[in-house]
Structures are given as C-alpha cells and as structure tokens.
Amino acid sequence: MQNRLKDGDKMVIGVTLVNVVPGQEKVAYNELLKIKGIKDVYHVFGEFDFVVISNVEGLSALNKLVDTIRESENVTKTQTIVGAEL
C-alpha cells in the first residue's frame, strides 16, 4: 500500500473513520473534501458517518492531516488506520 517517493520516504495510506454532529453531514463532507491529502470521502451507515481515504508523505503528515480533520467543529470523533505493505 505504500509507494516510494524520489527521496526514499514512503507514501502512507490512511483510512480515517469520522463521526460528525448530527445534521451536519453535508457541511462536514464539504469541509473534508477541501483538506489537502484527502483522496476520497465516503458517507457510510453504521458506527461512523464517513470513511476518509488519504495519501500523504509519511506518518507525520498523516498525523497533521488527522489533526486538521479534528479541528472541525462538526467532527466529534475519529479513528485512523494506517495501511502497510505485505
């Protein structure tokens, strides 16, 4: 799941599960789409409201991206899974 960059660092795939304030799904969806590094946002049903797929340069960048997601007043909870090569 990880691709090498020119300088030897690895791209990291992150899957972040996101809960938002009830009734704010459309607003939160549009906010998520504007965050650099997010590739896809899926509205889902179940324990979480969205599945966010990101592709960034390293774990530090993924951490910053998740912090940006959490800064939204519409986001109430996140859980992130990091992809790894087999």
Protein backbone atom coordinates (compact mmCIF):
# COMPACT_ATOMS: atom_id res chain seq x y z
CA MET A 1 0.00 0.00 0.00
CA GLN A 2 2.93 2.33 0.39
CA ASN A 3 4.74 3.82 -2.58
CA ARG A 4 8.31 5.12 -2.51
CA LEU A 5 8.97 8.79 -3.19
CA LYS A 6 12.04 10.03 -5.04
CA ASP A 7 13.91 10.82 -1.81
CA GLY A 8 13.25 7.37 -0.32
CA ASP A 9 10.40 8.36 2.00
CA LYS A 10 7.22 6.32 1.81
CA MET A 11 3.76 7.50 0.94
CA VAL A 12 1.31 6.48 3.64
CA ILE A 13 -2.28 5.46 3.02
CA GLY A 14 -4.58 6.42 5.88
CA VAL A 15 -8.16 5.34 6.44
CA THR A 16 -9.87 7.64 8.92
CA LEU A 17 -13.32 6.88 10.28
CA VAL A 18 -15.15 10.07 11.20
CA ASN A 19 -18.25 10.92 13.24
CA VAL A 20 -19.88 14.32 12.91
CA VAL A 21 -22.55 16.38 14.65
CA PRO A 22 -25.97 15.02 13.64
CA GLY A 23 -27.48 17.10 10.84
CA GLN A 24 -24.09 18.49 9.77
CA GLU A 25 -23.15 15.70 7.37
CA LYS A 26 -23.24 17.83 4.20
CA VAL A 27 -21.21 20.63 5.78
CA ALA A 28 -18.66 18.18 7.19
CA TYR A 29 -18.44 16.36 3.84
CA ASN A 30 -17.61 19.60 2.02
CA GLU A 31 -15.04 20.54 4.68
CA LEU A 32 -13.32 17.17 4.39
CA LEU A 33 -13.06 17.42 0.60
CA LYS A 34 -11.08 20.67 0.95
CA ILE A 35 -8.31 19.18 3.12
CA LYS A 36 -5.05 18.60 1.26
CA GLY A 37 -4.05 14.93 1.22
CA ILE A 38 -7.59 13.55 1.34
CA LYS A 39 -8.25 11.48 -1.77
CA ASP A 40 -11.78 10.15 -1.15
CA VAL A 41 -14.62 10.70 1.29
CA TYR A 42 -17.42 8.15 1.61
CA HIS A 43 -20.63 8.71 3.57
CA VAL A 44 -21.43 5.41 5.31
CA PHE A 45 -24.01 3.98 7.67
CA GLY A 46 -23.16 2.32 10.96
CA GLU A 47 -20.93 3.35 13.84
CA PHE A 48 -19.21 6.09 11.80
CA ASP A 49 -20.55 8.72 9.39
CA PHE A 50 -17.62 8.92 6.94
CA VAL A 51 -14.68 6.90 5.72
CA VAL A 52 -11.85 9.20 4.61
CA ILE A 53 -9.02 7.87 2.45
CA SER A 54 -5.79 9.86 2.48
CA ASN A 55 -2.42 9.54 0.80
CA VAL A 56 0.38 11.56 2.38
CA GLU A 57 4.18 11.65 2.71
CA GLY A 58 4.86 9.79 5.95
CA LEU A 59 3.28 9.26 9.35
CA SER A 60 4.00 12.80 10.50
CA ALA A 61 1.98 14.19 7.60
CA LEU A 62 -0.84 11.73 8.34
CA ASN A 63 -0.88 12.89 11.96
CA LYS A 64 -1.14 16.53 10.84
CA LEU A 65 -3.94 15.66 8.42
CA VAL A 66 -5.93 13.90 11.16
CA ASP A 67 -5.35 16.87 13.46
CA THR A 68 -6.79 19.10 10.73
CA ILE A 69 -9.86 16.87 10.48
CA ARG A 70 -10.32 17.01 14.26
CA GLU A 71 -10.15 20.83 14.26
CA SER A 72 -13.55 20.99 12.57
CA GLU A 73 -16.32 21.94 14.98
CA ASN A 74 -18.51 19.42 13.11
CA VAL A 75 -16.25 16.44 13.85
CA THR A 76 -16.96 14.61 17.12
CA LYS A 77 -14.75 11.51 16.80
CA THR A 78 -12.08 9.97 14.58
CA GLN A 79 -10.31 6.64 14.36
CA THR A 80 -7.42 6.18 11.92
CA ILE A 81 -6.00 3.01 10.41
CA VAL A 82 -2.63 3.11 8.64
CA GLY A 83 -2.09 0.98 5.54
CA ALA A 84 1.03 -1.16 5.31
CA GLU A 85 2.82 -3.22 2.70
CA LEU A 86 2.76 -7.00 3.00
